[in-house]
Amino acid sequence: MARVFTQAEAKRLGLPGRKALEIVSGERGALGVTLRLAEIPVPQPGESLRGPHRHCDHEECIYVLSGKGTTFADSGEFPLKPGDTVLIPPGEKHVTRNTGNEPLLLLCFFPVADINKGTAEPGVSSRTSHRP
């Protein structure tokens, strides 16, 4: 059965360095997808920036809604602007940072219902791949 998920009903996540809303996930009834809306603020002088994380068992697809940023990944640096999409392969360490003067708004798609399994992010989890 089709279903509408509203932003007002999204789960607020306490993730470092960004505001994040989990709009769709297994916890909300999805079988194989997670969709998050992330807002990365403009960095303040002297602020310590969060480090990279990785998703051991799945890709992450990030679409830029507004703002400017750069994704720093094992495979390089990728400048981003509205309308751009970056695809991060499984296991690749990455972090997206705001490089503009307004909040960076991202739509983050994961092809799994629970991204916590197989995700390793300092200060959040120490999970590693569940693959043998």
N, C-alpha and C. Protein backbone atom coordinates (compact mmCIF):
# COMPACT_ATOMS: atom_id res chain seq x y z
N MET A 1 0.83 -1.16 0.00
CA MET A 1 0.00 0.00 0.00
C MET A 1 0.89 1.25 0.00
N ALA A 2 0.59 2.19 -0.86
CA ALA A 2 1.32 3.46 -0.91
C ALA A 2 1.10 4.23 0.39
N ARG A 3 2.07 5.07 0.70
CA ARG A 3 1.99 5.81 1.96
C ARG A 3 2.70 7.15 1.82
N VAL A 4 2.20 8.18 2.47
CA VAL A 4 2.84 9.49 2.48
C VAL A 4 3.52 9.68 3.82
N PHE A 5 4.76 10.15 3.78
CA PHE A 5 5.53 10.46 4.99
C PHE A 5 5.72 11.97 5.01
N THR A 6 5.33 12.62 6.08
CA THR A 6 5.49 14.07 6.16
C THR A 6 6.74 14.42 6.95
N GLN A 7 7.30 15.57 6.65
CA GLN A 7 8.49 16.02 7.36
C GLN A 7 8.17 16.22 8.84
N ALA A 8 6.97 16.66 9.14
CA ALA A 8 6.57 16.88 10.54
C ALA A 8 6.61 15.59 11.36
N GLU A 9 6.40 14.45 10.71
CA GLU A 9 6.41 13.16 11.40
C GLU A 9 7.79 12.51 11.46
N ALA A 10 8.77 13.11 10.80
CA ALA A 10 10.10 12.52 10.71
C ALA A 10 10.77 12.44 12.08
N LYS A 11 11.60 11.43 12.23
CA LYS A 11 12.35 11.23 13.48
C LYS A 11 13.58 12.14 13.49
N ARG A 12 13.71 12.93 14.53
CA ARG A 12 14.90 13.79 14.69
C ARG A 12 16.04 12.95 15.22
N LEU A 13 17.20 13.05 14.57
CA LEU A 13 18.37 12.27 14.95
C LEU A 13 19.40 13.16 15.61
N GLY A 14 20.04 12.69 16.63
CA GLY A 14 21.09 13.43 17.30
C GLY A 14 22.45 13.09 16.74
N LEU A 15 22.72 13.52 15.53
CA LEU A 15 23.99 13.22 14.87
C LEU A 15 24.93 14.41 14.96
N PRO A 16 26.22 14.17 15.13
CA PRO A 16 27.17 15.27 15.28
C PRO A 16 27.31 16.11 14.01
N GLY A 17 27.42 17.43 14.20
CA GLY A 17 27.72 18.33 13.10
C GLY A 17 26.62 18.61 12.12
N ARG A 18 25.40 18.15 12.39
CA ARG A 18 24.30 18.37 11.46
C ARG A 18 22.97 18.12 12.14
N LYS A 19 21.94 18.71 11.56
CA LYS A 19 20.58 18.38 11.96
C LYS A 19 20.12 17.32 10.97
N ALA A 20 19.49 16.30 11.45
CA ALA A 20 19.06 15.23 10.55
C ALA A 20 17.68 14.74 10.93
N LEU A 21 16.87 14.54 9.90
CA LEU A 21 15.54 13.97 10.06
C LEU A 21 15.48 12.68 9.27
N GLU A 22 15.05 11.61 9.90
CA GLU A 22 14.85 10.35 9.19
C GLU A 22 13.38 10.30 8.78
N ILE A 23 13.15 10.45 7.49
CA ILE A 23 11.80 10.55 6.95
C ILE A 23 11.21 9.17 6.71
N VAL A 24 11.99 8.29 6.10
CA VAL A 24 11.56 6.93 5.79
C VAL A 24 12.65 5.97 6.26
N SER A 25 12.25 4.85 6.86
CA SER A 25 13.20 3.81 7.28
C SER A 25 12.41 2.57 7.66
N GLY A 26 13.12 1.52 7.99
CA GLY A 26 12.47 0.30 8.45
C GLY A 26 11.66 0.55 9.71
N GLU A 27 12.15 1.42 10.56
CA GLU A 27 11.44 1.77 11.79
C GLU A 27 10.07 2.39 11.49
N ARG A 28 9.95 3.01 10.31
CA ARG A 28 8.70 3.65 9.91
C ARG A 28 7.92 2.80 8.90
N GLY A 29 8.36 1.56 8.67
CA GLY A 29 7.60 0.64 7.83
C GLY A 29 8.19 0.33 6.48
N ALA A 30 9.32 0.94 6.11
CA ALA A 30 9.94 0.64 4.82
C ALA A 30 10.62 -0.73 4.87
N LEU A 31 10.63 -1.42 3.75
CA LEU A 31 11.26 -2.74 3.68
C LEU A 31 12.72 -2.68 3.25
N GLY A 32 13.10 -1.69 2.46
CA GLY A 32 14.46 -1.68 1.95
C GLY A 32 15.00 -0.32 1.58
N VAL A 33 14.59 0.73 2.30
CA VAL A 33 15.07 2.07 1.97
C VAL A 33 15.07 2.95 3.22
N THR A 34 16.04 3.86 3.27
CA THR A 34 16.08 4.90 4.29
C THR A 34 16.28 6.22 3.56
N LEU A 35 15.53 7.23 3.97
CA LEU A 35 15.64 8.56 3.39
C LEU A 35 15.77 9.56 4.53
N ARG A 36 16.83 10.37 4.46
CA ARG A 36 17.07 11.37 5.49
C ARG A 36 17.24 12.75 4.85
N LEU A 37 16.83 13.75 5.61
CA LEU A 37 17.05 15.14 5.25
C LEU A 37 18.08 15.66 6.24
N ALA A 38 19.21 16.15 5.74
CA ALA A 38 20.29 16.63 6.61
C ALA A 38 20.57 18.09 6.31
N GLU A 39 20.77 18.85 7.38
CA GLU A 39 21.15 20.25 7.26
C GLU A 39 22.49 20.45 7.96
N ILE A 40 23.48 20.88 7.19
CA ILE A 40 24.81 21.13 7.73
C ILE A 40 24.98 22.64 7.84
N PRO A 41 25.16 23.14 9.06
CA PRO A 41 25.27 24.60 9.23
C PRO A 41 26.58 25.15 8.70
N VAL A 42 26.61 26.47 8.54
CA VAL A 42 27.85 27.16 8.18
C VAL A 42 28.81 26.99 9.36
N PRO A 43 30.04 26.53 9.11
CA PRO A 43 30.98 26.34 10.23
C PRO A 43 31.38 27.68 10.85
N GLN A 44 31.52 27.68 12.15
CA GLN A 44 31.92 28.88 12.89
C GLN A 44 33.43 28.85 13.12
N PRO A 45 34.08 30.01 13.19
CA PRO A 45 35.53 30.05 13.43
C PRO A 45 35.89 29.29 14.71
N GLY A 46 36.90 28.45 14.61
CA GLY A 46 37.38 27.68 15.76
C GLY A 46 36.58 26.44 16.08
N GLU A 47 35.49 26.23 15.37
CA GLU A 47 34.64 25.05 15.60
C GLU A 47 35.36 23.80 15.12
N SER A 48 35.33 22.73 15.91
CA SER A 48 35.93 21.48 15.47
C SER A 48 34.94 20.77 14.55
N LEU A 49 35.44 20.33 13.41
CA LEU A 49 34.59 19.69 12.41
C LEU A 49 34.52 18.19 12.66
N ARG A 50 33.37 17.60 12.35
CA ARG A 50 33.22 16.17 12.54
C ARG A 50 34.07 15.41 11.53
N GLY A 51 34.46 14.21 11.93
CA GLY A 51 35.29 13.38 11.07
C GLY A 51 34.46 12.54 10.12
N PRO A 52 35.13 11.79 9.27
CA PRO A 52 34.43 10.95 8.30
C PRO A 52 33.79 9.72 8.94
N HIS A 53 32.86 9.15 8.21
CA HIS A 53 32.19 7.91 8.61
C HIS A 53 32.12 7.02 7.38
N ARG A 54 31.63 5.80 7.57
CA ARG A 54 31.48 4.90 6.43
C ARG A 54 30.30 3.98 6.64
N HIS A 55 29.78 3.51 5.53
CA HIS A 55 28.70 2.53 5.52
C HIS A 55 29.28 1.28 4.89
N CYS A 56 29.54 0.29 5.72
CA CYS A 56 30.27 -0.90 5.27
C CYS A 56 29.50 -1.74 4.26
N ASP A 57 28.19 -1.79 4.41
CA ASP A 57 27.39 -2.75 3.64
C ASP A 57 26.49 -2.14 2.58
N HIS A 58 26.52 -0.81 2.42
CA HIS A 58 25.60 -0.20 1.46
C HIS A 58 26.12 1.15 0.95
N GLU A 59 25.58 1.56 -0.18
CA GLU A 59 25.90 2.85 -0.77
C GLU A 59 25.14 3.96 -0.04
N GLU A 60 25.58 5.19 -0.29
CA GLU A 60 24.82 6.38 0.11
C GLU A 60 24.75 7.29 -1.10
N CYS A 61 23.57 7.79 -1.38
CA CYS A 61 23.35 8.70 -2.49
C CYS A 61 22.90 10.03 -1.88
N ILE A 62 23.66 11.10 -2.13
CA ILE A 62 23.39 12.41 -1.53
C ILE A 62 23.01 13.39 -2.63
N TYR A 63 21.83 14.01 -2.50
CA TYR A 63 21.35 15.01 -3.45
C TYR A 63 21.34 16.38 -2.75
N VAL A 64 21.92 17.39 -3.38
CA VAL A 64 22.00 18.72 -2.79
C VAL A 64 20.75 19.53 -3.15
N LEU A 65 19.99 19.90 -2.12
CA LEU A 65 18.80 20.73 -2.30
C LEU A 65 19.15 22.21 -2.35
N SER A 66 20.02 22.66 -1.43
CA SER A 66 20.44 24.06 -1.40
C SER A 66 21.77 24.20 -0.66
N GLY A 67 22.45 25.30 -0.93
CA GLY A 67 23.74 25.57 -0.31
C GLY A 67 24.89 25.03 -1.14
N LYS A 68 26.10 25.21 -0.60
CA LYS A 68 27.32 24.72 -1.26
C LYS A 68 28.10 23.89 -0.26
N GLY A 69 28.76 22.86 -0.77
CA GLY A 69 29.55 22.02 0.11
C GLY A 69 30.58 21.23 -0.67
N THR A 70 31.32 20.43 0.07
CA THR A 70 32.30 19.52 -0.52
C THR A 70 32.21 18.21 0.23
N THR A 71 32.13 17.12 -0.52
CA THR A 71 32.25 15.79 0.07
C THR A 71 33.71 15.39 -0.03
N PHE A 72 34.29 15.07 1.12
CA PHE A 72 35.66 14.58 1.20
C PHE A 72 35.56 13.07 1.38
N ALA A 73 36.11 12.32 0.42
CA ALA A 73 36.01 10.86 0.44
C ALA A 73 37.39 10.26 0.19
N ASP A 74 37.50 8.97 0.46
CA ASP A 74 38.76 8.27 0.19
C ASP A 74 39.20 8.48 -1.26
N SER A 75 38.25 8.59 -2.17
CA SER A 75 38.57 8.69 -3.59
C SER A 75 38.74 10.12 -4.09
N GLY A 76 38.60 11.12 -3.21
CA GLY A 76 38.82 12.50 -3.65
C GLY A 76 37.90 13.50 -2.99
N GLU A 77 37.99 14.75 -3.47
CA GLU A 77 37.14 15.83 -2.99
C GLU A 77 36.15 16.19 -4.10
N PHE A 78 34.88 16.35 -3.71
CA PHE A 78 33.83 16.57 -4.69
C PHE A 78 33.02 17.81 -4.32
N PRO A 79 33.28 18.96 -5.00
CA PRO A 79 32.50 20.16 -4.74
C PRO A 79 31.05 19.93 -5.14
N LEU A 80 30.12 20.47 -4.34
CA LEU A 80 28.70 20.25 -4.57
C LEU A 80 27.93 21.56 -4.57
N LYS A 81 26.90 21.61 -5.43
CA LYS A 81 25.99 22.75 -5.50
C LYS A 81 24.57 22.21 -5.70
N PRO A 82 23.55 23.04 -5.56
CA PRO A 82 22.18 22.56 -5.73
C PRO A 82 21.98 21.81 -7.05
N GLY A 83 21.32 20.67 -6.96
CA GLY A 83 21.07 19.82 -8.12
C GLY A 83 22.11 18.74 -8.34
N ASP A 84 23.24 18.82 -7.64
CA ASP A 84 24.28 17.79 -7.77
C ASP A 84 23.93 16.58 -6.91
N THR A 85 24.42 15.43 -7.33
CA THR A 85 24.28 14.18 -6.58
C THR A 85 25.63 13.51 -6.51
N VAL A 86 25.97 13.01 -5.33
CA VAL A 86 27.21 12.24 -5.18
C VAL A 86 26.83 10.85 -4.67
N LEU A 87 27.45 9.83 -5.25
CA LEU A 87 27.21 8.45 -4.85
C LEU A 87 28.47 7.93 -4.16
N ILE A 88 28.30 7.49 -2.91
CA ILE A 88 29.40 6.97 -2.12
C ILE A 88 29.29 5.44 -2.08
N PRO A 89 30.34 4.74 -2.54
CA PRO A 89 30.27 3.27 -2.53
C PRO A 89 30.40 2.70 -1.11
N PRO A 90 29.98 1.45 -0.92
CA PRO A 90 30.12 0.81 0.39
C PRO A 90 31.57 0.81 0.86
N GLY A 91 31.77 1.09 2.14
CA GLY A 91 33.09 1.02 2.74
C GLY A 91 33.96 2.25 2.58
N GLU A 92 33.57 3.21 1.74
CA GLU A 92 34.40 4.40 1.52
C GLU A 92 34.14 5.44 2.61
N LYS A 93 35.21 5.83 3.31
CA LYS A 93 35.07 6.88 4.32
C LYS A 93 34.76 8.20 3.63
N HIS A 94 33.86 8.98 4.25
CA HIS A 94 33.45 10.25 3.66
C HIS A 94 32.85 11.18 4.70
N VAL A 95 32.86 12.45 4.39
CA VAL A 95 32.19 13.47 5.18
C VAL A 95 31.85 14.61 4.22
N THR A 96 30.69 15.19 4.39
CA THR A 96 30.30 16.34 3.58
C THR A 96 30.31 17.57 4.48
N ARG A 97 30.97 18.62 4.01
CA ARG A 97 31.09 19.85 4.80
C ARG A 97 30.49 21.02 4.04
N ASN A 98 29.97 21.96 4.79
CA ASN A 98 29.41 23.18 4.24
C ASN A 98 30.57 24.11 3.89
N THR A 99 30.61 24.59 2.64
CA THR A 99 31.64 25.52 2.20
C THR A 99 31.04 26.85 1.77
N GLY A 100 29.77 27.03 2.04
CA GLY A 100 29.09 28.26 1.63
C GLY A 100 28.78 29.16 2.82
N ASN A 101 27.86 30.09 2.59
CA ASN A 101 27.48 31.03 3.63
C ASN A 101 26.02 30.90 4.05
N GLU A 102 25.42 29.76 3.72
CA GLU A 102 24.07 29.43 4.15
C GLU A 102 24.04 27.93 4.48
N PRO A 103 23.03 27.47 5.21
CA PRO A 103 22.97 26.04 5.52
C PRO A 103 22.99 25.19 4.25
N LEU A 104 23.65 24.05 4.35
CA LEU A 104 23.72 23.08 3.26
C LEU A 104 22.64 22.04 3.52
N LEU A 105 21.67 21.94 2.61
CA LEU A 105 20.53 21.04 2.78
C LEU A 105 20.66 19.86 1.82
N LEU A 106 20.68 18.64 2.39
CA LEU A 106 20.93 17.42 1.62
C LEU A 106 19.81 16.41 1.81
N LEU A 107 19.49 15.70 0.76
CA LEU A 107 18.60 14.55 0.82
C LEU A 107 19.49 13.32 0.67
N CYS A 108 19.50 12.45 1.68
CA CYS A 108 20.40 11.30 1.71
C CYS A 108 19.60 10.00 1.61
N PHE A 109 19.91 9.22 0.60
CA PHE A 109 19.20 7.98 0.32
C PHE A 109 20.12 6.79 0.55
N PHE A 110 19.59 5.79 1.22
CA PHE A 110 20.32 4.55 1.50
C PHE A 110 19.43 3.37 1.07
N PRO A 111 19.97 2.39 0.33
CA PRO A 111 19.15 1.27 -0.15
C PRO A 111 18.97 0.14 0.87
N VAL A 112 18.80 0.52 2.13
CA VAL A 112 18.56 -0.43 3.22
C VAL A 112 17.57 0.19 4.19
N ALA A 113 16.83 -0.64 4.90
CA ALA A 113 15.83 -0.13 5.84
C ALA A 113 16.43 0.34 7.15
N ASP A 114 17.65 -0.13 7.49
CA ASP A 114 18.30 0.25 8.74
C ASP A 114 19.77 0.53 8.46
N ILE A 115 20.13 1.81 8.37
CA ILE A 115 21.53 2.13 8.04
C ILE A 115 22.45 1.99 9.24
N ASN A 116 21.90 1.86 10.43
CA ASN A 116 22.75 1.71 11.61
C ASN A 116 23.54 0.41 11.58
N LYS A 117 22.97 -0.61 10.97
CA LYS A 117 23.72 -1.86 10.79
C LYS A 117 24.75 -1.61 9.69
N GLY A 118 26.00 -1.77 10.02
CA GLY A 118 27.04 -1.60 9.01
C GLY A 118 27.53 -0.17 8.84
N THR A 119 27.14 0.75 9.73
CA THR A 119 27.63 2.12 9.66
C THR A 119 28.57 2.37 10.83
N ALA A 120 29.70 2.99 10.55
CA ALA A 120 30.66 3.34 11.60
C ALA A 120 30.90 4.84 11.55
N GLU A 121 30.49 5.53 12.63
CA GLU A 121 30.70 6.97 12.72
C GLU A 121 31.22 7.29 14.11
N PRO A 122 32.39 7.94 14.18
CA PRO A 122 32.94 8.30 15.49
C PRO A 122 31.94 9.12 16.31
N GLY A 123 31.78 8.74 17.56
CA GLY A 123 30.87 9.44 18.45
C GLY A 123 29.43 8.98 18.35
N VAL A 124 29.13 8.13 17.36
CA VAL A 124 27.76 7.63 17.20
C VAL A 124 27.71 6.13 17.34
N SER A 125 28.57 5.43 16.60
CA SER A 125 28.56 3.97 16.65
C SER A 125 29.96 3.44 16.39
N SER A 126 30.14 2.21 16.74
CA SER A 126 31.40 1.53 16.43
C SER A 126 31.10 0.27 15.64
N ARG A 127 29.98 0.29 14.94
CA ARG A 127 29.58 -0.89 14.18
C ARG A 127 30.49 -1.09 12.99
N THR A 128 30.63 -2.31 12.62
CA THR A 128 31.41 -2.65 11.43
C THR A 128 30.58 -3.57 10.56
N SER A 129 31.13 -3.94 9.47
CA SER A 129 30.40 -4.77 8.52
C SER A 129 29.87 -6.05 9.14
N HIS A 130 28.69 -6.44 8.72
CA HIS A 130 28.09 -7.69 9.17
C HIS A 130 28.38 -8.82 8.19
N ARG A 131 29.12 -8.52 7.15
CA ARG A 131 29.45 -9.56 6.18
C ARG A 131 30.52 -10.46 6.73
N PRO A 132 30.50 -11.75 6.37
CA PRO A 132 31.52 -12.68 6.85
C PRO A 132 32.89 -12.36 6.31
